[in-house]
């Protein structure tokens, strides 16, 4: 076990690392629903990717309706031992309605999971792991966010992390569509 926890992720994940290694992690690429984005999610069990997808919520309409749909969709997912959500900056230059709605969506996701074990994964930390050929998509982002939490949990427990899901040929279509 490392003596000094350097990153915010290490600090947040340290108390829950064994829960990730032995249990289920549910990760999210948050969104409040828009023409170009839906919330992505990925489920890991004992460090292995089990399932991933998009939450089907309205892409337009009043924000409160989209957030209610988000809450319902999150509650239908399997119950995790730990939740990982992409960390989004709290510092917004000027008023940005999209960013405000994104923060609302993050709050809904965190509350709807009803899981006290929560970690935030910085964009820069998980994007370093994906292959150069990576094609951005919300469910793929959730897979990358989750894998970063899994990788870090295994390291914190002094274990060799499992290989990234995109190295598994059965998941290649999720990352390298040709």
Protein backbone atom coordinates (compact mmCIF):
# COMPACT_ATOMS: atom_id res chain seq x y z
CA UNK A 1 0.00 0.00 0.00
CA UNK A 2 1.51 3.38 -0.93
CA UNK A 3 2.59 5.55 1.98
CA UNK A 4 1.71 8.83 0.31
CA UNK A 5 -1.42 9.34 -1.73
CA UNK A 6 -0.48 11.84 -4.42
CA UNK A 7 -3.52 12.43 -6.57
CA UNK A 8 -7.09 13.38 -5.69
CA UNK A 9 -8.24 10.06 -7.17
CA UNK A 10 -5.83 8.11 -4.95
CA UNK A 11 -7.07 9.99 -1.90
CA UNK A 12 -10.76 9.52 -2.77
CA UNK A 13 -10.38 5.87 -3.81
CA UNK A 14 -8.07 4.70 -1.02
CA UNK A 15 -10.86 3.84 1.49
CA UNK A 16 -12.84 1.98 -1.21
CA UNK A 17 -10.08 0.31 -3.24
CA UNK A 18 -10.78 -3.19 -1.93
CA UNK A 19 -14.50 -2.69 -2.67
CA UNK A 20 -13.60 -2.02 -6.32
CA UNK A 21 -11.22 -5.00 -6.49
CA UNK A 22 -13.69 -7.46 -4.95
CA UNK A 23 -17.02 -5.88 -5.86
CA UNK A 24 -18.85 -3.81 -8.45
CA UNK A 25 -17.98 -0.36 -9.76
CA UNK A 26 -20.50 1.65 -11.75
CA UNK A 27 -18.98 4.52 -13.72
CA UNK A 28 -20.62 7.42 -15.49
CA UNK A 29 -19.88 9.93 -18.19
CA UNK A 30 -22.45 12.49 -17.05
CA UNK A 31 -24.88 14.37 -19.28
CA UNK A 32 -28.22 16.10 -18.84
CA UNK A 33 -29.21 15.00 -22.34
CA UNK A 34 -28.68 17.06 -25.47
CA UNK A 35 -28.60 16.67 -29.23
CA UNK A 36 -24.98 15.51 -29.03
CA UNK A 37 -24.77 13.75 -25.68
CA UNK A 38 -26.44 11.17 -23.48
CA UNK A 39 -25.18 9.86 -20.14
CA UNK A 40 -22.88 6.88 -20.58
CA UNK A 41 -22.36 4.15 -17.99
CA UNK A 42 -20.16 1.11 -17.47
CA UNK A 43 -20.32 -1.71 -14.94
CA UNK A 44 -17.17 -3.47 -13.72
CA UNK A 45 -17.18 -6.55 -11.51
CA UNK A 46 -13.95 -7.48 -9.73
CA UNK A 47 -12.09 -5.25 -12.18
CA UNK A 48 -13.58 -6.71 -15.34
CA UNK A 49 -15.91 -4.80 -17.66
CA UNK A 50 -19.30 -6.53 -17.61
CA UNK A 51 -21.58 -4.15 -19.47
CA UNK A 52 -21.77 -0.60 -20.79
CA UNK A 53 -24.30 1.59 -22.52
CA UNK A 54 -26.17 4.85 -22.76
CA UNK A 55 -29.03 5.98 -20.55
CA UNK A 56 -32.01 6.72 -22.73
CA UNK A 57 -33.25 10.11 -21.55
CA UNK A 58 -34.84 12.95 -23.51
CA UNK A 59 -32.36 14.98 -25.57
CA UNK A 60 -34.48 18.11 -25.34
CA UNK A 61 -37.23 19.65 -23.27
CA UNK A 62 -37.30 21.17 -19.81
CA UNK A 63 -34.25 20.34 -17.70
CA UNK A 64 -36.33 19.10 -14.77
CA UNK A 65 -38.02 16.52 -17.02
CA UNK A 66 -34.66 15.31 -18.37
CA UNK A 67 -33.22 15.09 -14.84
CA UNK A 68 -36.25 13.09 -13.62
CA UNK A 69 -35.73 10.67 -16.51
CA UNK A 70 -32.03 10.47 -15.62
CA UNK A 71 -32.85 9.61 -12.01
CA UNK A 72 -35.23 6.85 -13.09
CA UNK A 73 -32.72 5.41 -15.58
CA UNK A 74 -29.87 5.38 -13.04
CA UNK A 75 -32.05 3.62 -10.47
CA UNK A 76 -32.70 0.83 -12.99
CA UNK A 77 -28.96 0.00 -13.24
CA UNK A 78 -27.37 -2.69 -11.05
CA UNK A 79 -26.48 -1.54 -7.53
CA UNK A 80 -22.73 -0.91 -7.21
CA UNK A 81 -20.31 -1.05 -4.29
CA UNK A 82 -18.55 2.07 -5.59
CA UNK A 83 -19.56 4.80 -8.05
CA UNK A 84 -17.11 6.67 -10.28
CA UNK A 85 -18.15 9.86 -12.07
CA UNK A 86 -16.11 11.99 -14.43
CA UNK A 87 -14.89 15.05 -12.57
CA UNK A 88 -16.10 18.26 -14.15
CA UNK A 89 -14.57 21.61 -13.31
CA UNK A 90 -16.55 23.77 -10.90
CA UNK A 91 -15.05 26.91 -12.38
CA UNK A 92 -17.07 28.26 -15.26
CA UNK A 93 -16.21 31.51 -17.00
CA UNK A 94 -19.38 33.54 -17.21
CA UNK A 95 -22.77 31.91 -17.23
CA UNK A 96 -22.88 28.65 -19.14
CA UNK A 97 -26.30 26.99 -18.99
CA UNK A 98 -24.95 23.70 -20.39
CA UNK A 99 -22.30 23.49 -17.68
CA UNK A 100 -24.85 24.29 -14.97
CA UNK A 101 -27.14 21.54 -16.28
CA UNK A 102 -24.20 19.12 -16.39
CA UNK A 103 -23.52 19.77 -12.69
CA UNK A 104 -27.20 19.18 -11.96
CA UNK A 105 -26.98 15.85 -13.82
CA UNK A 106 -23.93 14.85 -11.78
CA UNK A 107 -25.87 15.51 -8.58
CA UNK A 108 -28.81 13.44 -9.81
CA UNK A 109 -26.49 10.54 -10.73
CA UNK A 110 -24.75 10.65 -7.36
CA UNK A 111 -28.04 10.75 -5.45
CA UNK A 112 -29.86 8.17 -7.58
CA UNK A 113 -27.10 5.57 -7.14
CA UNK A 114 -27.68 5.67 -3.38
CA UNK A 115 -24.08 4.60 -2.87
CA UNK A 116 -21.99 6.41 -0.24
CA UNK A 117 -18.74 5.27 -1.85
CA UNK A 118 -18.11 7.82 -4.60
CA UNK A 119 -14.99 8.84 -6.50
CA UNK A 120 -14.44 11.52 -9.11
CA UNK A 121 -12.14 10.71 -12.03
CA UNK A 122 -10.38 13.58 -13.77
CA UNK A 123 -10.72 13.72 -17.54
CA UNK A 124 -6.96 13.97 -18.05
CA UNK A 125 -6.29 10.84 -15.98
CA UNK A 126 -8.49 8.46 -17.93
CA UNK A 127 -7.88 9.93 -21.38
CA UNK A 128 -4.17 9.11 -21.00
CA UNK A 129 -5.12 5.43 -20.99
CA UNK A 130 -7.19 5.11 -24.16
CA UNK A 131 -5.58 4.25 -27.51
CA UNK A 132 -4.79 6.97 -30.05
CA UNK A 133 -7.48 5.52 -32.32
CA UNK A 134 -10.12 6.12 -29.62
CA UNK A 135 -13.37 7.52 -30.98
CA UNK A 136 -15.21 9.67 -28.45
CA UNK A 137 -18.62 8.42 -27.41
CA UNK A 138 -20.45 8.67 -24.10
CA UNK A 139 -20.51 4.94 -23.31
CA UNK A 140 -16.85 4.57 -24.31
CA UNK A 141 -16.02 7.51 -22.05
CA UNK A 142 -17.76 5.76 -19.15
CA UNK A 143 -15.67 2.64 -19.85
CA UNK A 144 -12.48 4.73 -19.73
CA UNK A 145 -13.57 6.51 -16.53
CA UNK A 146 -14.36 3.20 -14.87
CA UNK A 147 -11.16 1.56 -16.00
CA UNK A 148 -9.07 4.37 -14.51
CA UNK A 149 -10.78 3.81 -11.14
CA UNK A 150 -10.29 0.03 -11.46
CA UNK A 151 -6.62 0.41 -12.41
CA UNK A 152 -5.96 2.77 -9.51
CA UNK A 153 -7.81 0.54 -7.00
CA UNK A 154 -5.72 -2.49 -7.97
CA UNK A 155 -2.52 -0.47 -7.66
CA UNK A 156 -3.58 0.86 -4.24
CA UNK A 157 -4.16 -2.74 -3.13
CA UNK A 158 -0.71 -3.78 -4.40
CA UNK A 159 -2.19 -5.88 -7.22
CA UNK A 160 -1.58 -6.01 -10.95
CA UNK A 161 -4.47 -4.22 -12.70
CA UNK A 162 -6.44 -6.19 -15.27
CA UNK A 163 -5.78 -5.23 -18.89
CA UNK A 164 -7.89 -2.37 -20.26
CA UNK A 165 -11.16 -3.47 -21.88
CA UNK A 166 -10.10 -2.09 -25.24
CA UNK A 167 -7.35 -4.74 -25.38
CA UNK A 168 -10.02 -7.46 -25.27
CA UNK A 169 -11.04 -8.25 -28.85
CA UNK A 170 -14.68 -8.71 -27.84
CA UNK A 171 -14.80 -5.04 -26.77
CA UNK A 172 -12.68 -3.65 -29.64
CA UNK A 173 -15.80 -2.60 -31.54
CA UNK A 174 -16.55 -0.25 -28.65
CA UNK A 175 -13.30 1.62 -29.14
CA UNK A 176 -11.93 1.16 -32.64
CA UNK A 177 -14.79 1.18 -35.11
CA UNK A 178 -13.54 1.08 -38.66
